[in-house]
PDB file of N, CA and C in Angstrom:
ATOM      1  N   MET A   1      -3.653  93.939 330.168  1.00  0.00           N
ATOM      2  CA  MET A   1      -3.127  93.552 331.445  1.00  0.00           C
ATOM      3  C   MET A   1      -1.561  93.659 330.790  1.00  0.00           C
ATOM      4  N   MET A   2      -1.650  93.979 330.250  1.00  0.00           N
ATOM      5  CA  MET A   2       0.114  94.169 329.828  1.00  0.00           C
ATOM      6  C   MET A   2       0.540  95.342 330.790  1.00  0.00           C
ATOM      7  N   PHE A   3      -0.113  95.896 330.745  1.00  0.00           N
ATOM      8  CA  PHE A   3       0.301  97.783 332.131  1.00  0.00           C
ATOM      9  C   PHE A   3      -0.116  96.752 333.322  1.00  0.00           C
ATOM     10  N   TYR A   4      -0.525  96.310 333.347  1.00  0.00           N
ATOM     11  CA  TYR A   4      -0.114  96.034 335.236  1.00  0.00           C
ATOM     12  C   TYR A   4       1.027  94.966 335.583  1.00  0.00           C
ATOM     13  N   VAL A   5       1.950  94.245 334.005  1.00  0.00           N
ATOM     14  CA  VAL A   5       2.625  93.636 333.866  1.00  0.00           C
ATOM     15  C   VAL A   5       3.887  94.655 334.805  1.00  0.00           C
ATOM     16  N   TYR A   6       3.911  96.219 333.869  1.00  0.00           N
ATOM     17  CA  TYR A   6       4.606  97.239 333.915  1.00  0.00           C
ATOM     18  C   TYR A   6       4.219  97.715 334.469  1.00  0.00           C
ATOM     19  N   THR A   7       3.266  97.885 335.093  1.00  0.00           N
ATOM     20  CA  THR A   7       3.473  98.809 336.574  1.00  0.00           C
ATOM     21  C   THR A   7       3.674  97.564 337.908  1.00  0.00           C
ATOM     22  N   GLU A   8       3.673  96.864 338.160  1.00  0.00           N
ATOM     23  CA  GLU A   8       3.384  95.970 339.531  1.00  0.00           C
ATOM     24  C   GLU A   8       4.258  94.623 339.233  1.00  0.00           C
ATOM     25  N   LEU A   9       4.127  94.284 338.301  1.00  0.00           N
ATOM     26  CA  LEU A   9       4.813  93.038 338.719  1.00  0.00           C
ATOM     27  C   LEU A   9       6.089  93.082 337.800  1.00  0.00           C
ATOM     28  N   ILE A  10       7.202  93.451 337.699  1.00  0.00           N
ATOM     29  CA  ILE A  10       8.395  94.141 337.411  1.00  0.00           C
ATOM     30  C   ILE A  10       8.433  95.118 338.448  1.00  0.00           C
ATOM     31  N   PRO A  11       8.329  95.559 338.675  1.00  0.00           N
ATOM     32  CA  PRO A  11       8.850  96.524 339.546  1.00  0.00           C
ATOM     33  C   PRO A  11       8.906  95.476 340.854  1.00  0.00           C
ATOM     34  N   LEU A  12       7.701  94.947 341.135  1.00  0.00           N
ATOM     35  CA  LEU A  12       7.819  93.704 342.421  1.00  0.00           C
ATOM     36  C   LEU A  12       8.843  92.666 342.692  1.00  0.00           C
ATOM     37  N   VAL A  13       9.081  92.610 340.940  1.00  0.00           N
ATOM     38  CA  VAL A  13      10.731  91.493 340.595  1.00  0.00           C
ATOM     39  C   VAL A  13      11.533  92.104 340.826  1.00  0.00           C
ATOM     40  N   ILE A  14      11.864  93.169 340.057  1.00  0.00           N
ATOM     41  CA  ILE A  14      13.267  93.300 340.744  1.00  0.00           C
ATOM     42  C   ILE A  14      13.571  93.995 342.435  1.00  0.00           C
ATOM     43  N   ALA A  15      12.149  94.477 342.428  1.00  0.00           N
ATOM     44  CA  ALA A  15      11.893  94.298 344.147  1.00  0.00           C
ATOM     45  C   ALA A  15      13.233  93.546 345.569  1.00  0.00           C
ATOM     46  N   ILE A  16      12.526  92.107 344.708  1.00  0.00           N
ATOM     47  CA  ILE A  16      12.743  91.327 345.550  1.00  0.00           C
ATOM     48  C   ILE A  16      14.062  90.418 344.956  1.00  0.00           C
ATOM     49  N   ILE A  17      14.527  91.292 344.351  1.00  0.00           N
ATOM     50  CA  ILE A  17      15.629  90.775 343.591  1.00  0.00           C
ATOM     51  C   ILE A  17      16.835  91.551 343.806  1.00  0.00           C
ATOM     52  N   LEU A  18      16.877  92.960 344.632  1.00  0.00           N
ATOM     53  CA  LEU A  18      17.676  93.700 344.526  1.00  0.00           C
ATOM     54  C   LEU A  18      17.132  93.489 346.646  1.00  0.00           C
ATOM     55  N   TRP A  19      16.777  92.687 346.525  1.00  0.00           N
ATOM     56  CA  TRP A  19      16.241  92.280 348.323  1.00  0.00           C
ATOM     57  C   TRP A  19      17.193  91.264 348.876  1.00  0.00           C
ATOM     58  N   PHE A  20      17.171  90.190 347.675  1.00  0.00           N
ATOM     59  CA  PHE A  20      18.527  88.879 347.796  1.00  0.00           C
ATOM     60  C   PHE A  20      19.725  89.373 347.787  1.00  0.00           C
ATOM     61  N   LEU A  21      19.480  90.526 347.264  1.00  0.00           N
ATOM     62  CA  LEU A  21      21.501  90.847 346.826  1.00  0.00           C
ATOM     63  C   LEU A  21      21.476  91.678 347.663  1.00  0.00           C
ATOM     64  N   ILE A  22      21.145  92.839 348.170  1.00  0.00           N
ATOM     65  CA  ILE A  22      22.041  93.649 349.475  1.00  0.00           C
ATOM     66  C   ILE A  22      21.339  92.655 350.826  1.00  0.00           C
ATOM     67  N   LYS A  23      20.450  92.283 351.230  1.00  0.00           N
ATOM     68  CA  LYS A  23      20.664  91.855 352.575  1.00  0.00           C
ATOM     69  C   LYS A  23      20.016  92.416 353.333  1.00  0.00           C
ATOM     70  N   PRO A  24      19.061  94.417 353.660  1.00  0.00           N
ATOM     71  CA  PRO A  24      18.968  95.096 354.541  1.00  0.00           C
ATOM     72  C   PRO A  24      19.400  94.294 355.928  1.00  0.00           C
ATOM     73  N   LYS A  25      20.143  94.821 356.991  1.00  0.00           N
ATOM     74  CA  LYS A  25      19.484  94.992 358.278  1.00  0.00           C
ATOM     75  C   LYS A  25      19.445  95.411 358.816  1.00  0.00           C
ATOM     76  N   GLY A  26      19.291  96.333 359.559  1.00  0.00           N
ATOM     77  CA  GLY A  26      19.271  97.419 360.676  1.00  0.00           C
ATOM     78  C   GLY A  26      18.201  98.353 359.504  1.00  0.00           C
ATOM     79  N   ALA A  27      17.818  99.634 360.263  1.00  0.00           N
ATOM     80  CA  ALA A  27      17.446 100.736 359.910  1.00  0.00           C
ATOM     81  C   ALA A  27      17.518 101.183 358.797  1.00  0.00           C
ATOM     82  N   ARG A  28      18.907 102.186 358.968  1.00  0.00           N
ATOM     83  CA  ARG A  28      19.777 102.635 358.171  1.00  0.00           C
ATOM     84  C   ARG A  28      20.560 102.267 356.564  1.00  0.00           C
ATOM     85  N   LYS A  29      20.133 100.882 357.221  1.00  0.00           N
ATOM     86  CA  LYS A  29      19.942 100.119 355.545  1.00  0.00           C
ATOM     87  C   LYS A  29      19.259  99.832 354.491  1.00  0.00           C
ATOM     88  N   TYR A  30      17.658  99.858 356.120  1.00  0.00           N
ATOM     89  CA  TYR A  30      16.489  99.028 355.070  1.00  0.00           C
ATOM     90  C   TYR A  30      15.808 100.833 353.986  1.00  0.00           C
ATOM     91  N   VAL A  31      16.873 102.184 354.830  1.00  0.00           N
ATOM     92  CA  VAL A  31      15.817 103.194 354.021  1.00  0.00           C
ATOM     93  C   VAL A  31      17.697 103.429 353.034  1.00  0.00           C
ATOM     94  N   ASN A  32      18.609 102.862 352.650  1.00  0.00           N
ATOM     95  CA  ASN A  32      19.754 103.082 352.329  1.00  0.00           C
ATOM     96  C   ASN A  32      19.237 101.478 350.559  1.00  0.00           C
ATOM     97  N   TYR A  33      18.334 100.808 351.217  1.00  0.00           N
ATOM     98  CA  TYR A  33      17.875 100.012 350.062  1.00  0.00           C
ATOM     99  C   TYR A  33      16.866 100.106 349.491  1.00  0.00           C
ATOM    100  N   THR A  34      16.684 101.301 350.434  1.00  0.00           N
ATOM    101  CA  THR A  34      15.213 101.964 349.225  1.00  0.00           C
ATOM    102  C   THR A  34      15.391 102.959 348.966  1.00  0.00           C
ATOM    103  N   LEU A  35      15.796 103.326 349.176  1.00  0.00           N
ATOM    104  CA  LEU A  35      16.776 105.360 348.428  1.00  0.00           C
ATOM    105  C   LEU A  35      17.068 104.205 346.702  1.00  0.00           C
ATOM    106  N   LEU A  36      18.132 103.954 346.935  1.00  0.00           N
ATOM    107  CA  LEU A  36      18.642 102.457 345.875  1.00  0.00           C
ATOM    108  C   LEU A  36      17.388 101.435 344.646  1.00  0.00           C
ATOM    109  N   LEU A  37      16.862 101.233 345.498  1.00  0.00           N
ATOM    110  CA  LEU A  37      14.984 100.416 344.923  1.00  0.00           C
ATOM    111  C   LEU A  37      14.404 101.358 343.842  1.00  0.00           C
ATOM    112  N   ILE A  38      14.211 102.794 344.365  1.00  0.00           N
ATOM    113  CA  ILE A  38      13.935 103.932 344.015  1.00  0.00           C
ATOM    114  C   ILE A  38      14.862 104.704 342.383  1.00  0.00           C
ATOM    115  N   ALA A  39      16.148 104.651 343.571  1.00  0.00           N
ATOM    116  CA  ALA A  39      17.116 105.141 341.633  1.00  0.00           C
ATOM    117  C   ALA A  39      16.779 103.673 340.677  1.00  0.00           C
ATOM    118  N   ILE A  40      16.682 103.015 340.627  1.00  0.00           N
ATOM    119  CA  ILE A  40      16.992 101.135 339.734  1.00  0.00           C
ATOM    120  C   ILE A  40      15.204 101.599 339.159  1.00  0.00           C
ATOM    121  N   LEU A  41      13.406 102.473 340.363  1.00  0.00           N
ATOM    122  CA  LEU A  41      12.483 102.157 339.136  1.00  0.00           C
ATOM    123  C   LEU A  41      12.968 102.908 338.863  1.00  0.00           C
ATOM    124  N   PHE A  42      13.387 104.756 338.832  1.00  0.00           N
ATOM    125  CA  PHE A  42      13.021 105.459 337.805  1.00  0.00           C
ATOM    126  C   PHE A  42      14.375 105.534 337.044  1.00  0.00           C
ATOM    127  N   PHE A  43      15.156 104.214 336.680  1.00  0.00           N
ATOM    128  CA  PHE A  43      15.707 104.697 335.284  1.00  0.00           C
ATOM    129  C   PHE A  43      14.930 103.311 334.681  1.00  0.00           C
ATOM    130  N   TYR A  44      14.205 102.856 335.086  1.00  0.00           N
ATOM    131  CA  TYR A  44      13.157 101.703 334.530  1.00  0.00           C
ATOM    132  C   TYR A  44      12.203 102.191 333.852  1.00  0.00           C
ATOM    133  N   ALA A  45      11.703 103.219 334.666  1.00  0.00           N
ATOM    134  CA  ALA A  45      10.900 104.096 333.932  1.00  0.00           C
ATOM    135  C   ALA A  45      10.915 104.672 332.941  1.00  0.00           C
ATOM    136  N   LEU A  46      12.436 105.583 332.276  1.00  0.00           N
ATOM    137  CA  LEU A  46      13.183 106.173 331.530  1.00  0.00           C
ATOM    138  C   LEU A  46      12.692 105.435 330.816  1.00  0.00           C
ATOM    139  N   ILE A  47      13.427 104.377 331.168  1.00  0.00           N
ATOM    140  CA  ILE A  47      13.621 102.922 329.402  1.00  0.00           C
ATOM    141  C   ILE A  47      11.644 102.412 329.777  1.00  0.00           C
ATOM    142  N   LEU A  48      10.918 102.946 330.386  1.00  0.00           N
ATOM    143  CA  LEU A  48       9.553 102.055 329.758  1.00  0.00           C
ATOM    144  C   LEU A  48       9.535 103.918 328.534  1.00  0.00           C
ATOM    145  N   TYR A  49       9.565 104.679 329.024  1.00  0.00           N
ATOM    146  CA  TYR A  49       9.517 105.792 328.667  1.00  0.00           C
ATOM    147  C   TYR A  49       9.794 106.148 327.037  1.00  0.00           C
ATOM    148  N   VAL A  50      11.008 105.517 327.343  1.00  0.00           N
ATOM    149  CA  VAL A  50      11.263 105.849 325.215  1.00  0.00           C
ATOM    150  C   VAL A  50      10.959 104.873 324.767  1.00  0.00           C
ATOM    151  N   LEU A  51      10.562 103.660 325.449  1.00  0.00           N
ATOM    152  CA  LEU A  51      10.209 102.232 324.811  1.00  0.00           C
ATOM    153  C   LEU A  51       9.036 102.977 324.348  1.00  0.00           C
ATOM    154  N   GLU A  52       7.920 103.687 324.997  1.00  0.00           N
ATOM    155  CA  GLU A  52       6.156 104.477 324.293  1.00  0.00           C
ATOM    156  C   GLU A  52       6.926 105.480 323.567  1.00  0.00           C
ATOM    157  N   THR A  53       7.602 106.305 323.815  1.00  0.00           N
ATOM    158  CA  THR A  53       7.750 106.637 322.136  1.00  0.00           C
ATOM    159  C   THR A  53       7.911 106.851 321.175  1.00  0.00           C
ATOM    160  N   ASN A  54       9.290 105.096 321.752  1.00  0.00           N
ATOM    161  CA  ASN A  54       8.830 104.549 319.611  1.00  0.00           C
ATOM    162  C   ASN A  54       8.131 103.641 320.071  1.00  0.00           C
ATOM    163  N   SER A  55       6.889 104.005 320.151  1.00  0.00           N
ATOM    164  CA  SER A  55       5.344 103.197 320.241  1.00  0.00           C
ATOM    165  C   SER A  55       5.888 101.097 320.646  1.00  0.00           C
ATOM    166  N   TYR A  56       7.111 101.031 320.865  1.00  0.00           N
ATOM    167  CA  TYR A  56       7.696  99.494 321.628  1.00  0.00           C
ATOM    168  C   TYR A  56       5.813  98.712 321.433  1.00  0.00           C
ATOM    169  N   ILE A  57       5.443  99.760 322.854  1.00  0.00           N
ATOM    170  CA  ILE A  57       4.369  99.439 323.766  1.00  0.00           C
ATOM    171  C   ILE A  57       3.894 100.886 323.981  1.00  0.00           C
ATOM    172  N   SER A  58       3.071 100.022 323.790  1.00  0.00           N
ATOM    173  CA  SER A  58       1.319 101.201 323.719  1.00  0.00           C
ATOM    174  C   SER A  58      -0.253 100.684 324.214  1.00  0.00           C
ATOM    175  N   GLU A  59       0.336 101.401 325.526  1.00  0.00           N
ATOM    176  CA  GLU A  59      -1.252 101.212 326.578  1.00  0.00           C
ATOM    177  C   GLU A  59      -1.759 102.040 326.141  1.00  0.00           C
ATOM    178  N   GLY A  60      -3.266 102.326 327.026  1.00  0.00           N
ATOM    179  CA  GLY A  60      -3.549 103.803 326.916  1.00  0.00           C
ATOM    180  C   GLY A  60      -2.919 104.669 328.175  1.00  0.00           C
ATOM    181  N   TRP A  61      -2.910 104.658 328.716  1.00  0.00           N
ATOM    182  CA  TRP A  61      -1.914 105.415 330.071  1.00  0.00           C
ATOM    183  C   TRP A  61      -1.056 105.350 329.502  1.00  0.00           C
ATOM    184  N   MET A  62       0.140 106.567 330.251  1.00  0.00           N
ATOM    185  CA  MET A  62       1.865 106.479 330.158  1.00  0.00           C
ATOM    186  C   MET A  62       2.353 105.840 330.845  1.00  0.00           C
ATOM    187  N   THR A  63       2.668 104.060 330.942  1.00  0.00           N
ATOM    188  CA  THR A  63       3.199 103.761 331.982  1.00  0.00           C
ATOM    189  C   THR A  63       3.984 104.539 332.716  1.00  0.00           C
ATOM    190  N   SER A  64       4.777 104.921 332.166  1.00  0.00           N
ATOM    191  CA  SER A  64       6.368 105.223 332.913  1.00  0.00           C
ATOM    192  C   SER A  64       5.645 106.189 333.098  1.00  0.00           C
ATOM    193  N   ALA A  65       4.950 107.020 333.576  1.00  0.00           N
ATOM    194  CA  ALA A  65       3.501 108.420 334.712  1.00  0.00           C
ATOM    195  C   ALA A  65       3.172 107.410 335.774  1.00  0.00           C
ATOM    196  N   THR A  66       3.153 106.641 334.964  1.00  0.00           N
ATOM    197  CA  THR A  66       1.932 105.482 336.125  1.00  0.00           C
ATOM    198  C   THR A  66       3.506 105.583 337.833  1.00  0.00           C
ATOM    199  N   LEU A  67       4.374 104.812 336.752  1.00  0.00           N
ATOM    200  CA  LEU A  67       5.302 104.818 337.514  1.00  0.00           C
ATOM    201  C   LEU A  67       5.786 106.110 338.567  1.00  0.00           C
ATOM    202  N   VAL A  68       6.037 106.979 337.861  1.00  0.00           N
ATOM    203  CA  VAL A  68       6.832 108.170 338.427  1.00  0.00           C
ATOM    204  C   VAL A  68       6.207 109.143 339.140  1.00  0.00           C
ATOM    205  N   PHE A  69       4.922 109.027 338.877  1.00  0.00           N
ATOM    206  CA  PHE A  69       3.506 109.822 339.766  1.00  0.00           C
ATOM    207  C   PHE A  69       3.850 109.025 341.132  1.00  0.00           C
ATOM    208  N   PHE A  70       3.461 107.541 341.071  1.00  0.00           N
ATOM    209  CA  PHE A  70       4.078 106.979 342.322  1.00  0.00           C
ATOM    210  C   PHE A  70       5.213 106.840 343.477  1.00  0.00           C
ATOM    211  N   LEU A  71       6.594 107.137 341.832  1.00  0.00           N
ATOM    212  CA  LEU A  71       7.941 107.218 342.853  1.00  0.00           C
ATOM    213  C   LEU A  71       8.095 108.837 343.490  1.00  0.00           C
ATOM    214  N   VAL A  72       7.678 109.619 342.938  1.00  0.00           N
ATOM    215  CA  VAL A  72       8.190 110.549 343.921  1.00  0.00           C
ATOM    216  C   VAL A  72       7.959 110.933 345.047  1.00  0.00           C
ATOM    217  N   PRO A  73       6.861 111.304 345.118  1.00  0.00           N
ATOM    218  CA  PRO A  73       5.369 111.417 346.975  1.00  0.00           C
ATOM    219  C   PRO A  73       6.819 109.949 347.662  1.00  0.00           C
ATOM    220  N   SER A  74       6.763 108.569 347.076  1.00  0.00           N
ATOM    221  CA  SER A  74       7.801 107.946 347.826  1.00  0.00           C
ATOM    222  C   SER A  74       9.683 108.640 348.307  1.00  0.00           C
ATOM    223  N   LEU A  75      10.276 108.768 346.787  1.00  0.00           N
ATOM    224  CA  LEU A  75      10.985 109.905 346.899  1.00  0.00           C
ATOM    225  C   LEU A  75      10.259 110.731 347.937  1.00  0.00           C
ATOM    226  N   ILE A  76      10.287 111.372 347.960  1.00  0.00           N
ATOM    227  CA  ILE A  76      10.072 113.012 348.975  1.00  0.00           C
ATOM    228  C   ILE A  76      10.387 112.200 350.531  1.00  0.00           C
ATOM    229  N   ILE A  77       9.521 111.574 350.942  1.00  0.00           N
ATOM    230  CA  ILE A  77       8.843 110.951 351.703  1.00  0.00           C
ATOM    231  C   ILE A  77      10.769 109.839 352.184  1.00  0.00           C
ATOM    232  N   VAL A  78      11.150 108.828 351.779  1.00  0.00           N
ATOM    233  CA  VAL A  78      12.205 108.329 352.481  1.00  0.00           C
ATOM    234  C   VAL A  78      13.577 109.316 352.037  1.00  0.00           C
ATOM    235  N   LEU A  79      13.705 111.097 351.486  1.00  0.00           N
ATOM    236  CA  LEU A  79      14.650 111.148 351.233  1.00  0.00           C
ATOM    237  C   LEU A  79      14.254 112.327 353.059  1.00  0.00           C
ATOM    238  N   LEU A  80      12.957 112.641 353.745  1.00  0.00           N
ATOM    239  CA  LEU A  80      12.322 112.657 355.027  1.00  0.00           C
ATOM    240  C   LEU A  80      12.869 112.322 356.173  1.00  0.00           C
ATOM    241  N   ILE A  81      12.865 110.730 355.776  1.00  0.00           N
ATOM    242  CA  ILE A  81      13.575 109.728 356.619  1.00  0.00           C
ATOM    243  C   ILE A  81      14.258 109.641 356.401  1.00  0.00           C
ATOM    244  N   LYS A  82      15.352 109.661 355.812  1.00  0.00           N
ATOM    245  CA  LYS A  82      16.695 109.436 355.362  1.00  0.00           C
ATOM    246  C   LYS A  82      17.575 111.089 356.081  1.00  0.00           C
ATOM    247  N   THR A  83      17.520 112.172 356.098  1.00  0.00           N
ATOM    248  CA  THR A  83      17.565 113.584 356.533  1.00  0.00           C
ATOM    249  C   THR A  83      17.247 113.320 358.175  1.00  0.00           C
ATOM    250  N   VAL A  84      15.790 113.831 358.881  1.00  0.00           N
ATOM    251  CA  VAL A  84      15.741 113.191 360.713  1.00  0.00           C
ATOM    252  C   VAL A  84      16.680 111.492 360.707  1.00  0.00           C
ATOM    253  N   MET A  85      17.203 110.751 360.145  1.00  0.00           N
ATOM    254  CA  MET A  85      18.001 109.654 360.557  1.00  0.00           C
ATOM    255  C   MET A  85      19.260 109.972 360.671  1.00  0.00           C
ATOM    256  N   PHE A  86      19.359 111.269 359.201  1.00  0.00           N
ATOM    257  CA  PHE A  86      20.852 111.890 359.614  1.00  0.00           C
ATOM    258  C   PHE A  86      21.082 112.663 360.919  1.00  0.00           C
ATOM    259  N   PHE A  87      20.236 113.755 360.987  1.00  0.00           N
ATOM    260  CA  PHE A  87      19.890 114.662 362.377  1.00  0.00           C
ATOM    261  C   PHE A  87      20.351 113.687 364.530  1.00  0.00           C
ATOM    262  N   LYS A  88      19.562 112.770 363.920  1.00  0.00           N
ATOM    263  CA  LYS A  88      19.427 112.200 364.978  1.00  0.00           C
ATOM    264  C   LYS A  88      20.601 111.580 365.389  1.00  0.00           C
ATOM    265  N   LYS A  89      21.538 110.962 364.514  1.00  0.00           N
ATOM    266  CA  LYS A  89      23.229 110.870 364.994  1.00  0.00           C
ATOM    267  C   LYS A  89      23.515 111.281 366.034  1.00  0.00           C
TER     268      LYS A  89
END
């Protein structure tokens, strides 16, 4: 049960808080918001990894690995979109 809290609920809460802090308007701001969110979630995955290796969190599957497996393709997609938007300018 805690696996879903670590991998879905907490990143969702981080995204909502970041949304209210930044309030992006326009396509470029959405891409920048997404890049910042992915960077924060990579840092969150690093914190989870440290907690897992020190046995503070014990789930069957590595929670940090699950986040990274989702974040890497997301980062590639967002960087491609950012590159296309840069050259369209």
